[in-house]
Protein backbone atom coordinates (compact mmCIF):
# COMPACT_ATOMS: atom_id res chain seq x y z
CA MET A 1 -0.01 -0.04 0.05
CA LYS A 2 1.20 3.58 -0.76
CA ASN A 3 2.54 5.38 2.18
CA VAL A 4 0.47 7.94 4.15
CA LYS A 5 2.04 10.89 2.28
CA ASP A 6 1.19 9.44 -1.10
CA ARG A 7 -2.30 8.65 0.01
CA LEU A 8 -2.89 12.22 1.20
CA LEU A 9 -1.61 13.70 -2.02
CA MET A 10 -4.51 11.90 -3.78
CA MET A 11 -7.05 13.92 -1.86
CA PRO A 12 -8.83 16.85 -3.62
CA LEU A 13 -7.66 18.95 -0.58
CA PHE A 14 -4.18 18.99 -2.13
CA ASN A 15 -5.03 19.46 -5.74
CA ASN A 16 -2.28 21.72 -7.38
CA CYS A 17 -0.12 21.49 -4.24
CA PRO A 18 3.56 20.46 -4.20
CA ASP A 19 4.59 17.50 -2.09
CA HIS A 20 6.14 19.61 0.62
CA VAL A 21 2.62 20.94 1.65
CA VAL A 22 1.82 17.40 2.93
CA ASP A 23 5.23 17.21 4.63
CA SER A 24 4.45 20.34 6.53
CA LEU A 25 1.00 19.03 7.60
CA LEU A 26 2.49 15.79 9.04
CA LEU A 27 5.37 17.62 10.67
CA GLU A 28 3.64 20.70 12.05
CA VAL A 29 0.18 19.50 13.07
CA PRO A 30 -0.12 17.11 15.98
CA HIS A 31 -1.84 13.90 15.03
CA ARG A 32 -2.35 10.27 15.72
CA GLN A 33 -2.90 7.15 13.51
CA VAL A 34 -5.72 4.63 14.35
CA ASP A 35 -6.49 1.46 12.66
CA ARG A 36 -10.05 0.01 12.57
CA LYS A 37 -11.28 -3.45 11.66
CA ALA A 38 -14.22 -4.06 9.32
CA ASP A 39 -17.61 -3.37 10.89
CA ALA A 40 -16.00 -1.22 13.59
CA ARG A 41 -17.75 1.98 14.60
CA ILE A 42 -15.49 4.95 13.79
CA ALA A 43 -17.74 7.40 15.41
CA TYR A 44 -21.35 7.55 16.68
CA ALA A 45 -24.25 9.85 16.04
CA HIS A 46 -24.23 12.82 18.45
CA ASP A 47 -20.47 12.41 19.10
CA GLU A 48 -18.73 15.87 19.22
CA ILE A 49 -16.13 16.12 16.58
CA THR A 50 -13.15 17.63 18.15
CA GLU A 51 -10.45 16.51 15.70
CA VAL A 52 -9.92 16.60 11.87
CA ILE A 53 -10.58 13.02 10.79
CA ILE A 54 -8.94 11.78 7.52
CA LEU A 55 -9.74 8.33 6.24
CA VAL A 56 -6.31 7.42 4.72
CA SER A 57 -7.38 4.11 3.32
CA GLY A 58 -10.39 1.73 3.39
CA LYS A 59 -14.15 2.19 2.90
CA VAL A 60 -16.85 3.48 5.39
CA HIS A 61 -20.41 4.14 5.28
CA THR A 62 -22.63 6.53 7.23
CA THR A 63 -25.96 5.46 8.81
CA MET A 64 -28.87 7.06 10.58
CA THR A 65 -31.10 5.24 12.90
CA HIS A 66 -34.67 5.65 14.11
CA PRO A 67 -36.49 4.24 17.16
CA GLY A 68 -37.98 0.87 16.13
CA LYS A 69 -36.45 0.96 12.68
CA ASP A 70 -33.32 -0.45 11.05
CA GLY A 71 -30.54 2.03 10.16
CA VAL A 72 -30.63 4.00 6.97
CA GLU A 73 -27.39 4.11 5.00
CA ILE A 74 -26.75 7.67 3.99
CA ASP A 75 -23.47 7.56 2.10
CA HIS A 76 -20.42 5.66 1.19
CA PHE A 77 -16.80 6.91 1.33
CA THR A 78 -13.47 5.46 0.09
CA GLY A 79 -10.16 6.82 1.45
CA PRO A 80 -8.32 9.06 1.13
CA LYS A 81 -11.17 11.30 2.33
CA MET A 82 -11.84 13.90 5.06
CA LEU A 83 -14.77 12.69 7.21
CA ALA A 84 -17.39 15.02 8.73
CA GLN A 85 -15.71 18.03 7.11
CA VAL A 86 -18.89 20.06 6.94
CA ILE A 87 -19.28 20.12 10.71
CA THR A 88 -15.58 19.85 11.96
CA PHE A 89 -15.26 23.61 12.41
CA ALA A 90 -18.96 24.36 13.03
CA LYS A 91 -20.21 25.77 16.28
CA GLU A 92 -22.65 22.93 16.66
CA ASN A 93 -20.28 20.03 15.66
CA ARG A 94 -22.18 16.91 16.71
CA LEU A 95 -22.25 14.10 14.23
CA PRO A 96 -25.68 13.53 12.75
CA CYS A 97 -24.92 9.95 11.78
CA THR A 98 -22.77 7.00 12.74
CA ILE A 99 -19.67 6.23 10.76
CA VAL A 100 -19.10 2.44 10.22
CA ALA A 101 -16.01 0.85 8.68
CA ASP A 102 -16.88 -1.47 5.71
CA THR A 103 -13.30 -2.69 5.44
CA GLU A 104 -10.09 -2.37 7.47
CA CYS A 105 -9.41 1.25 7.70
CA LYS A 106 -6.46 3.48 8.45
CA LEU A 107 -7.30 7.01 9.91
CA LEU A 108 -5.38 10.07 10.92
CA TYR A 109 -6.79 12.30 13.65
CA PHE A 110 -5.44 15.84 13.66
CA ASN A 111 -5.61 18.51 16.40
CA ARG A 112 -8.35 20.69 15.11
CA ASP A 113 -7.01 24.02 16.25
CA SER A 114 -3.64 23.30 14.89
CA PHE A 115 -4.99 22.07 11.73
CA PHE A 116 -7.12 25.27 11.29
CA ASP A 117 -4.05 27.43 11.81
CA TRP A 118 -2.09 25.37 9.35
CA LEU A 119 -4.99 25.65 6.83
CA THR A 120 -5.14 29.36 7.04
CA SER A 121 -1.43 29.59 6.19
CA HIS A 122 -1.74 27.67 3.04
CA THR A 123 -4.03 29.49 0.72
CA GLU A 124 -4.28 26.73 -2.12
CA VAL A 125 -5.37 24.10 0.36
CA MET A 126 -7.86 26.47 2.01
CA LYS A 127 -9.46 27.07 -1.46
CA ASN A 128 -9.64 23.36 -2.05
CA PHE A 129 -11.20 22.89 1.45
CA ILE A 130 -13.98 25.53 0.68
CA VAL A 131 -14.67 23.98 -2.65
CA SER A 132 -15.00 20.53 -1.13
CA ILE A 133 -17.29 21.72 1.56
CA SER A 134 -19.40 23.53 -1.08
CA SER A 135 -19.66 20.27 -3.24
CA ARG A 136 -20.66 18.35 -0.09
CA GLY A 137 -23.42 20.88 0.65
CA LYS A 138 -24.70 20.27 -2.81
CA THR A 139 -24.80 16.57 -2.32
CA LEU A 140 -26.49 16.88 1.00
CA THR A 141 -29.18 18.99 -0.57
CA LYS A 142 -29.78 16.42 -3.28
CA TYR A 143 -30.18 13.73 -0.52
CA LEU A 144 -32.69 15.98 1.39
CA ARG A 145 -34.80 16.50 -1.75
CA ALA A 146 -34.71 12.73 -2.43
CA PHE A 147 -36.00 11.87 1.05
CA ALA A 148 -38.32 14.76 1.44
CA MET A 149 -39.95 15.21 -1.97
CA LEU A 150 -39.64 12.20 -4.19
CA SER A 151 -41.75 9.00 -3.96
CA LEU A 152 -40.02 5.66 -3.44
CA ARG A 153 -40.38 4.89 -7.09
CA GLU A 154 -38.64 8.18 -8.05
CA ARG A 155 -35.94 7.54 -5.49
CA ILE A 156 -35.26 4.04 -6.83
CA LEU A 157 -35.17 5.45 -10.45
CA ALA A 158 -32.69 8.19 -9.35
CA TYR A 159 -30.57 5.53 -7.68
CA LEU A 160 -30.37 3.54 -10.89
CA ARG A 161 -29.48 6.56 -13.03
CA GLU A 162 -26.76 7.52 -10.58
CA ASN A 163 -25.44 4.07 -9.84
CA GLY A 164 -26.08 2.24 -13.12
CA ARG A 165 -27.66 -0.87 -11.50
CA ILE A 166 -29.01 -2.53 -8.44
CA ASP A 167 -26.83 -5.57 -7.40
CA ASN A 168 -27.79 -5.88 -3.88
CA VAL A 169 -31.46 -5.36 -2.86
CA ALA A 170 -30.60 -5.49 0.86
CA GLU A 171 -28.22 -2.68 0.41
CA LEU A 172 -30.81 -0.70 -1.57
CA VAL A 173 -33.37 -1.30 1.34
CA ARG A 174 -30.93 0.29 3.75
CA THR A 175 -30.16 3.18 1.51
CA MET A 176 -33.92 3.92 0.94
CA GLY A 177 -34.69 3.56 4.63
CA VAL A 178 -38.03 1.60 4.05
CA ASP A 179 -39.08 -1.93 4.34
CA ARG A 180 -38.04 -4.68 2.00
CA THR A 181 -41.63 -5.30 0.95
CA SER A 182 -42.08 -1.70 -0.26
CA VAL A 183 -38.92 -1.86 -2.29
CA SER A 184 -39.81 -5.23 -3.81
CA ARG A 185 -43.19 -4.03 -4.79
CA VAL A 186 -41.69 -0.96 -6.63
CA LEU A 187 -39.05 -3.11 -8.34
CA SER A 188 -41.74 -5.69 -9.38
CA ALA A 189 -43.83 -2.89 -10.88
CA LEU A 190 -40.87 -1.41 -12.69
CA LYS A 191 -39.99 -4.86 -14.19
CA ARG A 192 -43.64 -5.41 -15.20
CA GLU A 193 -43.61 -2.02 -17.08
CA GLY A 194 -40.43 -2.74 -18.74
CA VAL A 195 -38.61 0.21 -17.08
CA VAL A 196 -35.95 -2.17 -15.54
CA ALA A 197 -34.68 -5.42 -16.43
CA ARG A 198 -32.53 -8.16 -14.87
CA THR A 199 -29.13 -8.67 -16.39
CA MET A 200 -26.07 -10.75 -15.27
CA ASP A 201 -24.90 -7.78 -13.31
CA GLY A 202 -28.19 -7.02 -11.51
CA LEU A 203 -31.28 -4.76 -12.09
CA GLU A 204 -30.76 -2.09 -14.75
CA LEU A 205 -32.67 0.54 -16.57
CA THR A 206 -33.76 -0.65 -20.02
CA LYS A 207 -32.11 1.04 -22.93
CA GLN A 208 -35.23 3.08 -23.85
CA GLN A 209 -34.91 4.79 -20.54
């Protein structure tokens, strides 16, 4: 596996930045490295985020739970990636969801105040950070629209357009946050109408779509 510096250089945070910028981050900002096994909880909903968390390698997903219901998977991330970046420097910085490791993960935890001071002294990195937060805000707005305004049928069609296919119905159920019966009913209707078809890879939109 590539070393930590090489992994960090792959992040959008360091676009158009020379290698020595990452060297300065690792040398000047206090941090610690943590390894997590698959299925481990990296952080829990309502935890206060007091450090900058960077997923160096591995895959994670975020999930929200509701009383009496299974967790709803919100998003998936693959390292290298800064986690919880939208709320890290917010006044109200409690995590709205739980972060779960899908695979073995390597993480770096940076002192938040020191990271902020370092960030403000590196203009190009600061620009990239702002762009990243803006992009994340746009993504969150899309999710909110999907959950608040679209029917389950529309949400499933949007999922297919974005991901290309459904190869795991159980994962789709978690993502949609509804019971399996409802998802199966919609998928059956879409297959009956010729909107989706089963292929060797899974359920996909038909070509006329």
